[in-house]
Amino acid sequence: MAHQISEKTGIPEEILHFFDDVKEMFKETDRRMKETDRQMKATDRKLKELESLFNTQWGRLIESLVDGAVVKIFNQWGIPIESTTTRTKGIYQGNNWELDIVAKNGNAVIIIEVKTTLRPDDVKKHLKKLPMVKTWMREYTNNHAYGAVAYLTGSAGAAQMAENQGLFVIKATGDSAYITNAHNFEPKIY
C-alpha cells in the first residue's frame, strides 16, 4: 500500500490529516475551556450575590432580635428607653454614616452597633463613630450618649475590649438578648 506524499511538504497525507485532526481537537478543547471559565465566573458571581443576600438577611435578623430586647434590657439597667429606631442613616460633610440601632429617651441616647460576629475592628470603628453622634443628629446635643455593641458570637476578646472602652455589651441569644457587662460597670458618656 503506497502512501500519498504531499508535494508541498513531502509528508504523507495521512500524517497531515492526523495533525489537522489534532489541531481541530485542540481548538475544540480551547473553546470548551473558555466556555467553562465563563460559566465558572458566572457561578462565582451568583454565589457572591447569594452570600451577600444571606449575610444581609442574617444581619437584619440579629438586629431585629436585639432591637426587640433593647427597651427591656436597658430599663433593667436603670436607663429607661422609650423608643428605638433601626438603620438610621445620614450624610455629614459629604460622608455617609449609618447607625444600626438608636435607643432613646428624653435624656439619653444609646448607639448600638450590631454584628453577627463581633471583632476588635468592629469595636474600633464604632468607637470612632460615637463622638460624631451629636454632630450627625443635632436633636441629641443635650443628651447623654452611650455606646453599645451587640453580637451573636465574638472573636479575639472583642466583647471585653468593648467593655473596657466603656461600651455596653449585648449578647444576642435564641429569642432575646441581654447585657453582659459587670453590674458595677460604668458606661462612658459621649
N, C-alpha and C. Protein backbone atom coordinates (compact mmCIF):
# COMPACT_ATOMS: atom_id res chain seq x y z
N MET A 1 0.84 -1.16 0.00
CA MET A 1 0.00 0.00 0.00
C MET A 1 0.89 1.23 0.00
N ALA A 2 0.68 2.08 -0.95
CA ALA A 2 1.51 3.28 -1.12
C ALA A 2 0.88 4.45 -0.40
N HIS A 3 1.73 5.22 0.19
CA HIS A 3 1.27 6.44 0.87
C HIS A 3 1.38 7.59 -0.09
N GLN A 4 0.32 8.41 -0.06
CA GLN A 4 0.40 9.61 -0.89
C GLN A 4 1.22 10.64 -0.14
N ILE A 5 2.16 11.20 -0.82
CA ILE A 5 3.04 12.18 -0.23
C ILE A 5 2.61 13.56 -0.73
N SER A 6 2.54 14.51 0.20
CA SER A 6 2.19 15.87 -0.18
C SER A 6 3.34 16.45 -0.97
N GLU A 7 3.01 16.99 -2.12
CA GLU A 7 4.06 17.60 -2.95
C GLU A 7 4.59 18.86 -2.29
N LYS A 8 3.73 19.53 -1.54
CA LYS A 8 4.09 20.79 -0.91
C LYS A 8 5.05 20.58 0.26
N THR A 9 4.77 19.56 1.13
CA THR A 9 5.56 19.38 2.35
C THR A 9 6.46 18.16 2.32
N GLY A 10 6.15 17.19 1.47
CA GLY A 10 6.92 15.96 1.44
C GLY A 10 6.55 15.01 2.56
N ILE A 11 5.41 15.28 3.23
CA ILE A 11 4.94 14.45 4.34
C ILE A 11 3.74 13.66 3.85
N PRO A 12 3.64 12.38 4.29
CA PRO A 12 2.48 11.59 3.87
C PRO A 12 1.17 12.30 4.26
N GLU A 13 0.19 12.22 3.35
CA GLU A 13 -1.11 12.89 3.53
C GLU A 13 -1.81 12.44 4.81
N GLU A 14 -1.78 11.13 5.14
CA GLU A 14 -2.49 10.68 6.34
C GLU A 14 -1.90 11.30 7.61
N ILE A 15 -0.60 11.56 7.62
CA ILE A 15 0.01 12.23 8.77
C ILE A 15 -0.46 13.68 8.82
N LEU A 16 -0.53 14.33 7.67
CA LEU A 16 -1.02 15.71 7.64
C LEU A 16 -2.46 15.79 8.11
N HIS A 17 -3.29 14.81 7.69
CA HIS A 17 -4.69 14.78 8.16
C HIS A 17 -4.75 14.54 9.66
N PHE A 18 -3.87 13.66 10.14
CA PHE A 18 -3.81 13.39 11.58
C PHE A 18 -3.51 14.69 12.35
N PHE A 19 -2.50 15.44 11.90
CA PHE A 19 -2.15 16.69 12.55
C PHE A 19 -3.27 17.72 12.44
N ASP A 20 -3.96 17.74 11.30
CA ASP A 20 -5.12 18.64 11.16
C ASP A 20 -6.20 18.27 12.17
N ASP A 21 -6.43 16.95 12.34
CA ASP A 21 -7.43 16.48 13.31
C ASP A 21 -7.02 16.88 14.74
N VAL A 22 -5.74 16.70 15.06
CA VAL A 22 -5.24 17.07 16.39
C VAL A 22 -5.40 18.58 16.61
N LYS A 23 -5.07 19.34 15.57
CA LYS A 23 -5.20 20.80 15.65
C LYS A 23 -6.66 21.19 15.91
N GLU A 24 -7.61 20.54 15.25
CA GLU A 24 -9.04 20.80 15.47
C GLU A 24 -9.47 20.40 16.87
N MET A 25 -8.92 19.28 17.38
CA MET A 25 -9.24 18.86 18.75
C MET A 25 -8.74 19.90 19.75
N PHE A 26 -7.54 20.44 19.54
CA PHE A 26 -7.03 21.49 20.42
C PHE A 26 -7.91 22.73 20.37
N LYS A 27 -8.36 23.11 19.18
CA LYS A 27 -9.25 24.26 19.05
C LYS A 27 -10.55 24.02 19.81
N GLU A 28 -11.11 22.83 19.69
CA GLU A 28 -12.36 22.48 20.39
C GLU A 28 -12.13 22.48 21.91
N THR A 29 -11.01 21.92 22.33
CA THR A 29 -10.69 21.90 23.77
C THR A 29 -10.54 23.33 24.30
N ASP A 30 -9.87 24.16 23.55
CA ASP A 30 -9.70 25.56 23.94
C ASP A 30 -11.06 26.26 24.04
N ARG A 31 -11.94 26.02 23.06
CA ARG A 31 -13.28 26.62 23.08
C ARG A 31 -14.05 26.17 24.32
N ARG A 32 -13.97 24.87 24.62
CA ARG A 32 -14.68 24.33 25.78
C ARG A 32 -14.11 24.89 27.09
N MET A 33 -12.80 25.05 27.15
CA MET A 33 -12.18 25.61 28.36
C MET A 33 -12.62 27.05 28.58
N LYS A 34 -12.70 27.82 27.50
CA LYS A 34 -13.17 29.20 27.61
C LYS A 34 -14.62 29.25 28.07
N GLU A 35 -15.44 28.36 27.56
CA GLU A 35 -16.85 28.29 27.97
C GLU A 35 -16.96 27.89 29.45
N THR A 36 -16.16 26.92 29.86
CA THR A 36 -16.15 26.50 31.27
C THR A 36 -15.71 27.66 32.16
N ASP A 37 -14.70 28.39 31.75
CA ASP A 37 -14.23 29.55 32.51
C ASP A 37 -15.34 30.59 32.63
N ARG A 38 -16.05 30.86 31.54
CA ARG A 38 -17.16 31.82 31.57
C ARG A 38 -18.24 31.36 32.54
N GLN A 39 -18.57 30.05 32.48
CA GLN A 39 -19.60 29.51 33.37
C GLN A 39 -19.15 29.59 34.83
N MET A 40 -17.87 29.33 35.10
CA MET A 40 -17.37 29.39 36.47
C MET A 40 -17.43 30.83 37.00
N LYS A 41 -17.11 31.79 36.17
CA LYS A 41 -17.20 33.20 36.59
C LYS A 41 -18.64 33.59 36.88
N ALA A 42 -19.57 33.11 36.05
CA ALA A 42 -20.99 33.39 36.28
C ALA A 42 -21.45 32.75 37.59
N THR A 43 -21.00 31.53 37.84
CA THR A 43 -21.35 30.84 39.08
C THR A 43 -20.78 31.58 40.28
N ASP A 44 -19.53 32.04 40.19
CA ASP A 44 -18.92 32.82 41.27
C ASP A 44 -19.73 34.07 41.58
N ARG A 45 -20.16 34.78 40.52
CA ARG A 45 -20.98 35.99 40.72
C ARG A 45 -22.28 35.65 41.45
N LYS A 46 -22.93 34.56 41.01
CA LYS A 46 -24.19 34.17 41.66
C LYS A 46 -23.97 33.79 43.12
N LEU A 47 -22.88 33.07 43.41
CA LEU A 47 -22.58 32.69 44.79
C LEU A 47 -22.32 33.93 45.65
N LYS A 48 -21.60 34.90 45.13
CA LYS A 48 -21.34 36.12 45.88
C LYS A 48 -22.63 36.89 46.14
N GLU A 49 -23.53 36.91 45.16
CA GLU A 49 -24.82 37.57 45.36
C GLU A 49 -25.62 36.87 46.45
N LEU A 50 -25.62 35.54 46.42
CA LEU A 50 -26.34 34.77 47.44
C LEU A 50 -25.72 34.96 48.82
N GLU A 51 -24.40 34.98 48.88
CA GLU A 51 -23.72 35.20 50.15
C GLU A 51 -24.07 36.57 50.71
N SER A 52 -24.07 37.58 49.86
CA SER A 52 -24.41 38.93 50.29
C SER A 52 -25.86 38.98 50.80
N LEU A 53 -26.76 38.35 50.07
CA LEU A 53 -28.17 38.31 50.49
C LEU A 53 -28.30 37.60 51.83
N PHE A 54 -27.62 36.45 51.98
CA PHE A 54 -27.68 35.70 53.23
C PHE A 54 -27.15 36.55 54.38
N ASN A 55 -25.97 37.17 54.19
CA ASN A 55 -25.38 37.98 55.25
C ASN A 55 -26.26 39.16 55.61
N THR A 56 -26.85 39.79 54.62
CA THR A 56 -27.74 40.92 54.88
C THR A 56 -28.96 40.46 55.68
N GLN A 57 -29.58 39.38 55.26
CA GLN A 57 -30.77 38.88 55.95
C GLN A 57 -30.41 38.39 57.36
N TRP A 58 -29.28 37.71 57.48
CA TRP A 58 -28.84 37.21 58.79
C TRP A 58 -28.58 38.40 59.72
N GLY A 59 -27.90 39.42 59.20
CA GLY A 59 -27.63 40.62 60.00
C GLY A 59 -28.91 41.31 60.44
N ARG A 60 -29.88 41.37 59.55
CA ARG A 60 -31.17 42.00 59.91
C ARG A 60 -31.91 41.18 60.96
N LEU A 61 -31.77 39.86 60.89
CA LEU A 61 -32.39 39.00 61.90
C LEU A 61 -31.79 39.30 63.27
N ILE A 62 -30.46 39.36 63.35
CA ILE A 62 -29.80 39.65 64.62
C ILE A 62 -30.18 41.05 65.10
N GLU A 63 -30.20 42.01 64.18
CA GLU A 63 -30.61 43.38 64.50
C GLU A 63 -32.01 43.40 65.10
N SER A 64 -32.92 42.66 64.47
CA SER A 64 -34.30 42.60 64.94
C SER A 64 -34.39 41.96 66.32
N LEU A 65 -33.63 40.90 66.52
CA LEU A 65 -33.61 40.22 67.81
C LEU A 65 -33.15 41.17 68.91
N VAL A 66 -32.08 41.90 68.65
CA VAL A 66 -31.54 42.84 69.64
C VAL A 66 -32.52 44.00 69.84
N ASP A 67 -33.04 44.55 68.74
CA ASP A 67 -33.97 45.68 68.84
C ASP A 67 -35.18 45.32 69.70
N GLY A 68 -35.65 44.10 69.56
CA GLY A 68 -36.82 43.67 70.33
C GLY A 68 -36.56 43.59 71.82
N ALA A 69 -35.30 43.50 72.23
CA ALA A 69 -34.97 43.35 73.65
C ALA A 69 -34.42 44.64 74.27
N VAL A 70 -34.08 45.63 73.45
CA VAL A 70 -33.38 46.83 73.94
C VAL A 70 -34.15 47.56 75.04
N VAL A 71 -35.42 47.81 74.85
CA VAL A 71 -36.20 48.55 75.85
C VAL A 71 -36.14 47.83 77.19
N LYS A 72 -36.38 46.55 77.19
CA LYS A 72 -36.40 45.77 78.43
C LYS A 72 -35.03 45.74 79.10
N ILE A 73 -33.99 45.44 78.35
CA ILE A 73 -32.68 45.27 79.00
C ILE A 73 -32.10 46.58 79.52
N PHE A 74 -32.35 47.68 78.83
CA PHE A 74 -31.84 48.95 79.36
C PHE A 74 -32.71 49.47 80.50
N ASN A 75 -34.00 49.21 80.47
CA ASN A 75 -34.83 49.57 81.61
C ASN A 75 -34.35 48.83 82.85
N GLN A 76 -33.95 47.57 82.69
CA GLN A 76 -33.42 46.80 83.82
C GLN A 76 -32.11 47.39 84.33
N TRP A 77 -31.38 48.07 83.49
CA TRP A 77 -30.12 48.71 83.88
C TRP A 77 -30.34 50.12 84.41
N GLY A 78 -31.59 50.56 84.49
CA GLY A 78 -31.88 51.88 85.03
C GLY A 78 -31.82 53.00 84.00
N ILE A 79 -31.78 52.63 82.74
CA ILE A 79 -31.83 53.64 81.67
C ILE A 79 -33.16 53.42 80.95
N PRO A 80 -34.18 54.19 81.31
CA PRO A 80 -35.49 53.96 80.70
C PRO A 80 -35.48 54.36 79.22
N ILE A 81 -35.72 53.41 78.38
CA ILE A 81 -35.76 53.63 76.93
C ILE A 81 -37.21 53.74 76.50
N GLU A 82 -37.51 54.77 75.73
CA GLU A 82 -38.88 54.99 75.26
C GLU A 82 -39.10 54.46 73.86
N SER A 83 -38.05 54.53 73.03
CA SER A 83 -38.23 54.07 71.65
C SER A 83 -36.88 53.73 71.02
N THR A 84 -36.97 52.99 69.92
CA THR A 84 -35.76 52.64 69.17
C THR A 84 -36.03 52.86 67.69
N THR A 85 -34.96 53.13 66.97
CA THR A 85 -35.03 53.16 65.51
C THR A 85 -33.87 52.33 64.99
N THR A 86 -34.08 51.73 63.84
CA THR A 86 -33.03 50.91 63.24
C THR A 86 -32.57 51.54 61.93
N ARG A 87 -31.33 51.25 61.61
CA ARG A 87 -30.69 51.69 60.36
C ARG A 87 -30.90 53.19 60.10
N THR A 88 -30.52 53.99 61.08
CA THR A 88 -30.56 55.44 60.93
C THR A 88 -29.38 55.84 60.05
N LYS A 89 -29.68 56.61 58.99
CA LYS A 89 -28.64 56.98 58.02
C LYS A 89 -28.63 58.47 57.80
N GLY A 90 -27.48 58.96 57.34
CA GLY A 90 -27.37 60.36 57.00
C GLY A 90 -26.08 60.64 56.25
N ILE A 91 -25.90 61.92 55.94
CA ILE A 91 -24.68 62.37 55.27
C ILE A 91 -24.18 63.58 56.04
N TYR A 92 -22.91 63.60 56.34
CA TYR A 92 -22.30 64.74 57.01
C TYR A 92 -21.04 65.11 56.25
N GLN A 93 -20.98 66.33 55.78
CA GLN A 93 -19.84 66.84 55.01
C GLN A 93 -19.46 65.88 53.87
N GLY A 94 -20.49 65.40 53.20
CA GLY A 94 -20.28 64.54 52.03
C GLY A 94 -19.98 63.09 52.35
N ASN A 95 -19.94 62.72 53.63
CA ASN A 95 -19.66 61.33 54.01
C ASN A 95 -20.91 60.67 54.56
N ASN A 96 -21.20 59.47 54.09
CA ASN A 96 -22.36 58.71 54.57
C ASN A 96 -22.06 58.10 55.93
N TRP A 97 -23.07 58.06 56.78
CA TRP A 97 -22.96 57.37 58.05
C TRP A 97 -24.23 56.56 58.28
N GLU A 98 -24.10 55.52 59.09
CA GLU A 98 -25.24 54.66 59.42
C GLU A 98 -25.07 54.12 60.83
N LEU A 99 -26.19 54.10 61.56
CA LEU A 99 -26.22 53.55 62.91
C LEU A 99 -27.24 52.42 62.91
N ASP A 100 -26.85 51.27 63.45
CA ASP A 100 -27.73 50.09 63.41
C ASP A 100 -28.99 50.29 64.25
N ILE A 101 -28.82 50.62 65.53
CA ILE A 101 -29.96 50.85 66.42
C ILE A 101 -29.68 52.09 67.26
N VAL A 102 -30.67 52.97 67.33
CA VAL A 102 -30.60 54.14 68.20
C VAL A 102 -31.74 53.97 69.21
N ALA A 103 -31.37 53.83 70.48
CA ALA A 103 -32.35 53.72 71.56
C ALA A 103 -32.36 55.05 72.30
N LYS A 104 -33.56 55.55 72.61
CA LYS A 104 -33.60 56.90 73.18
C LYS A 104 -34.72 57.09 74.20
N ASN A 105 -34.48 58.11 75.02
CA ASN A 105 -35.50 58.67 75.90
C ASN A 105 -35.24 60.17 75.93
N GLY A 106 -35.82 60.89 76.83
CA GLY A 106 -35.65 62.34 76.84
C GLY A 106 -34.26 62.80 77.22
N ASN A 107 -33.51 61.98 77.94
CA ASN A 107 -32.20 62.40 78.46
C ASN A 107 -31.01 61.64 77.88
N ALA A 108 -31.27 60.49 77.33
CA ALA A 108 -30.17 59.64 76.88
C ALA A 108 -30.44 59.04 75.51
N VAL A 109 -29.36 58.76 74.83
CA VAL A 109 -29.42 58.06 73.56
C VAL A 109 -28.32 57.00 73.60
N ILE A 110 -28.65 55.81 73.15
CA ILE A 110 -27.68 54.71 73.12
C ILE A 110 -27.52 54.29 71.67
N ILE A 111 -26.29 54.34 71.19
CA ILE A 111 -25.99 53.97 69.81
C ILE A 111 -25.44 52.55 69.82
N ILE A 112 -26.18 51.65 69.17
CA ILE A 112 -25.83 50.22 69.22
C ILE A 112 -25.38 49.74 67.84
N GLU A 113 -24.19 49.19 67.81
CA GLU A 113 -23.64 48.55 66.61
C GLU A 113 -23.92 47.05 66.74
N VAL A 114 -24.56 46.47 65.73
CA VAL A 114 -24.94 45.06 65.77
C VAL A 114 -24.10 44.28 64.77
N LYS A 115 -23.51 43.19 65.25
CA LYS A 115 -22.70 42.33 64.40
C LYS A 115 -23.07 40.88 64.66
N THR A 116 -23.08 40.10 63.61
CA THR A 116 -23.26 38.66 63.78
C THR A 116 -22.06 38.12 64.54
N THR A 117 -20.86 38.46 64.06
CA THR A 117 -19.62 38.11 64.75
C THR A 117 -18.90 39.41 65.08
N LEU A 118 -18.72 39.67 66.36
CA LEU A 118 -18.06 40.90 66.81
C LEU A 118 -16.55 40.68 66.82
N ARG A 119 -15.86 41.58 66.14
CA ARG A 119 -14.39 41.53 66.06
C ARG A 119 -13.82 42.83 66.63
N PRO A 120 -12.56 42.82 67.05
CA PRO A 120 -11.95 44.04 67.58
C PRO A 120 -12.05 45.23 66.62
N ASP A 121 -11.90 45.00 65.32
CA ASP A 121 -12.02 46.10 64.36
C ASP A 121 -13.40 46.72 64.37
N ASP A 122 -14.44 45.91 64.62
CA ASP A 122 -15.81 46.43 64.71
C ASP A 122 -15.93 47.39 65.91
N VAL A 123 -15.31 47.00 67.01
CA VAL A 123 -15.35 47.86 68.21
C VAL A 123 -14.63 49.18 67.92
N LYS A 124 -13.46 49.10 67.30
CA LYS A 124 -12.69 50.31 66.98
C LYS A 124 -13.48 51.24 66.07
N LYS A 125 -14.12 50.69 65.05
CA LYS A 125 -14.91 51.52 64.13
C LYS A 125 -16.07 52.19 64.85
N HIS A 126 -16.72 51.44 65.74
CA HIS A 126 -17.85 52.01 66.47
C HIS A 126 -17.38 53.13 67.41
N LEU A 127 -16.24 52.93 68.04
CA LEU A 127 -15.69 53.95 68.93
C LEU A 127 -15.39 55.24 68.18
N LYS A 128 -15.02 55.13 66.91
CA LYS A 128 -14.77 56.33 66.11
C LYS A 128 -16.06 57.06 65.75
N LYS A 129 -17.16 56.33 65.61
CA LYS A 129 -18.45 56.94 65.28
C LYS A 129 -19.04 57.72 66.45
N LEU A 130 -18.90 57.19 67.66
CA LEU A 130 -19.63 57.71 68.81
C LEU A 130 -19.42 59.21 69.08
N PRO A 131 -18.20 59.73 68.99
CA PRO A 131 -18.04 61.17 69.23
C PRO A 131 -18.77 62.04 68.19
N MET A 132 -19.13 61.46 67.06
CA MET A 132 -19.79 62.22 65.99
C MET A 132 -21.31 62.23 66.10
N VAL A 133 -21.87 61.40 66.96
CA VAL A 133 -23.32 61.23 67.02
C VAL A 133 -24.05 62.56 67.22
N LYS A 134 -23.59 63.37 68.15
CA LYS A 134 -24.29 64.63 68.43
C LYS A 134 -24.13 65.64 67.30
N THR A 135 -23.10 65.48 66.50
CA THR A 135 -22.93 66.33 65.31
C THR A 135 -23.85 65.84 64.20
N TRP A 136 -23.93 64.54 64.03
CA TRP A 136 -24.78 63.96 62.98
C TRP A 136 -26.26 64.16 63.28
N MET A 137 -26.62 64.01 64.56
CA MET A 137 -28.03 64.10 64.96
C MET A 137 -28.15 65.18 66.03
N ARG A 138 -28.33 66.39 65.58
CA ARG A 138 -28.31 67.55 66.48
C ARG A 138 -29.41 67.50 67.54
N GLU A 139 -30.46 66.73 67.30
CA GLU A 139 -31.53 66.63 68.30
C GLU A 139 -31.05 65.99 69.61
N TYR A 140 -29.85 65.38 69.58
CA TYR A 140 -29.32 64.74 70.79
C TYR A 140 -28.18 65.52 71.42
N THR A 141 -28.00 66.78 71.03
CA THR A 141 -26.90 67.60 71.53
C THR A 141 -26.88 67.68 73.05
N ASN A 142 -28.03 67.77 73.67
CA ASN A 142 -28.10 67.91 75.13
C ASN A 142 -28.32 66.59 75.86
N ASN A 143 -28.26 65.49 75.16
CA ASN A 143 -28.46 64.17 75.77
C ASN A 143 -27.12 63.53 76.14
N HIS A 144 -27.21 62.63 77.12
CA HIS A 144 -26.07 61.73 77.36
C HIS A 144 -26.11 60.71 76.22
N ALA A 145 -24.98 60.49 75.59
CA ALA A 145 -24.91 59.47 74.53
C ALA A 145 -24.02 58.34 75.02
N TYR A 146 -24.52 57.13 74.91
CA TYR A 146 -23.78 55.94 75.29
C TYR A 146 -23.57 55.09 74.05
N GLY A 147 -22.56 54.26 74.13
CA GLY A 147 -22.30 53.32 73.04
C GLY A 147 -22.55 51.90 73.49
N ALA A 148 -22.90 51.06 72.54
CA ALA A 148 -23.11 49.64 72.83
C ALA A 148 -22.78 48.83 71.58
N VAL A 149 -22.35 47.61 71.81
CA VAL A 149 -22.19 46.66 70.72
C VAL A 149 -23.04 45.45 71.06
N ALA A 150 -23.64 44.88 70.03
CA ALA A 150 -24.46 43.69 70.20
C ALA A 150 -23.96 42.65 69.21
N TYR A 151 -23.99 41.39 69.62
CA TYR A 151 -23.44 40.35 68.76
C TYR A 151 -24.02 38.99 69.07
N LEU A 152 -23.86 38.09 68.13
CA LEU A 152 -24.25 36.69 68.33
C LEU A 152 -23.05 35.89 68.80
N THR A 153 -21.91 36.05 68.12
CA THR A 153 -20.65 35.42 68.54
C THR A 153 -19.57 36.48 68.52
N GLY A 154 -18.55 36.28 69.35
CA GLY A 154 -17.46 37.23 69.42
C GLY A 154 -16.14 36.54 69.15
N SER A 155 -15.17 37.33 68.74
CA SER A 155 -13.85 36.75 68.49
C SER A 155 -12.77 37.64 69.08
N ALA A 156 -11.65 37.01 69.43
CA ALA A 156 -10.43 37.70 69.84
C ALA A 156 -10.64 38.72 70.96
N GLY A 157 -11.49 38.40 71.92
CA GLY A 157 -11.67 39.28 73.06
C GLY A 157 -12.37 40.59 72.76
N ALA A 158 -13.12 40.64 71.67
CA ALA A 158 -13.78 41.88 71.25
C ALA A 158 -14.78 42.38 72.29
N ALA A 159 -15.53 41.48 72.90
CA ALA A 159 -16.53 41.91 73.89
C ALA A 159 -15.85 42.55 75.10
N GLN A 160 -14.78 41.94 75.58
CA GLN A 160 -14.05 42.51 76.73
C GLN A 160 -13.43 43.85 76.35
N MET A 161 -12.92 43.93 75.13
CA MET A 161 -12.35 45.18 74.63
C MET A 161 -13.42 46.28 74.65
N ALA A 162 -14.62 45.95 74.19
CA ALA A 162 -15.72 46.92 74.15
C ALA A 162 -16.06 47.39 75.56
N GLU A 163 -16.18 46.47 76.51
CA GLU A 163 -16.49 46.85 77.88
C GLU A 163 -15.39 47.73 78.46
N ASN A 164 -14.13 47.37 78.20
CA ASN A 164 -13.01 48.17 78.70
C ASN A 164 -13.04 49.59 78.15
N GLN A 165 -13.64 49.78 76.98
CA GLN A 165 -13.74 51.10 76.37
C GLN A 165 -15.01 51.85 76.78
N GLY A 166 -15.77 51.28 77.71
CA GLY A 166 -16.96 51.95 78.22
C GLY A 166 -18.22 51.70 77.43
N LEU A 167 -18.22 50.67 76.60
CA LEU A 167 -19.42 50.34 75.82
C LEU A 167 -20.25 49.28 76.54
N PHE A 168 -21.57 49.40 76.43
CA PHE A 168 -22.42 48.31 76.85
C PHE A 168 -22.20 47.15 75.87
N VAL A 169 -22.23 45.94 76.39
CA VAL A 169 -22.04 44.76 75.56
C VAL A 169 -23.31 43.92 75.65
N ILE A 170 -23.94 43.69 74.50
CA ILE A 170 -25.21 42.98 74.45
C ILE A 170 -25.01 41.68 73.68
N LYS A 171 -25.37 40.59 74.32
CA LYS A 171 -25.24 39.27 73.70
C LYS A 171 -26.62 38.84 73.21
N ALA A 172 -26.72 38.57 71.92
CA ALA A 172 -27.98 38.06 71.36
C ALA A 172 -28.04 36.56 71.64
N THR A 173 -29.23 36.11 72.04
CA THR A 173 -29.43 34.68 72.31
C THR A 173 -30.64 34.21 71.53
N GLY A 174 -31.02 32.97 71.74
CA GLY A 174 -32.08 32.33 70.97
C GLY A 174 -33.27 33.19 70.62
N ASP A 175 -33.91 33.82 71.60
CA ASP A 175 -35.09 34.63 71.30
C ASP A 175 -35.06 35.98 72.01
N SER A 176 -33.88 36.39 72.45
CA SER A 176 -33.79 37.64 73.17
C SER A 176 -32.34 38.14 73.13
N ALA A 177 -32.00 38.98 74.10
CA ALA A 177 -30.66 39.49 74.24
C ALA A 177 -30.50 39.95 75.68
N TYR A 178 -29.24 40.05 76.13
CA TYR A 178 -29.00 40.53 77.48
C TYR A 178 -27.67 41.27 77.51
N ILE A 179 -27.53 42.15 78.50
CA ILE A 179 -26.29 42.91 78.68
C ILE A 179 -25.33 42.06 79.49
N THR A 180 -24.10 41.94 79.00
CA THR A 180 -23.12 41.08 79.67
C THR A 180 -22.18 41.83 80.60
N ASN A 181 -22.25 43.17 80.62
CA ASN A 181 -21.35 43.94 81.46
C ASN A 181 -21.51 43.58 82.93
N ALA A 182 -20.43 43.77 83.69
CA ALA A 182 -20.48 43.56 85.13
C ALA A 182 -21.47 44.56 85.74
N HIS A 183 -22.06 44.19 86.88
CA HIS A 183 -23.07 45.05 87.50
C HIS A 183 -22.50 46.39 87.96
N ASN A 184 -21.21 46.46 88.22
CA ASN A 184 -20.60 47.72 88.64
C ASN A 184 -20.02 48.49 87.45
N PHE A 185 -20.36 48.10 86.25
CA PHE A 185 -19.87 48.74 85.02
C PHE A 185 -20.32 50.19 84.95
N GLU A 186 -19.42 51.08 84.58
CA GLU A 186 -19.71 52.49 84.38
C GLU A 186 -19.55 52.80 82.90
N PRO A 187 -20.65 53.03 82.18
CA PRO A 187 -20.52 53.32 80.75
C PRO A 187 -19.91 54.71 80.51
N LYS A 188 -19.19 54.82 79.43
CA LYS A 188 -18.61 56.10 79.04
C LYS A 188 -19.72 56.95 78.41
N ILE A 189 -19.74 58.22 78.76
CA ILE A 189 -20.73 59.15 78.20
C ILE A 189 -20.03 59.95 77.09
N TYR A 190 -20.68 60.03 75.95
CA TYR A 190 -20.14 60.79 74.81
C TYR A 190 -20.85 62.11 74.67
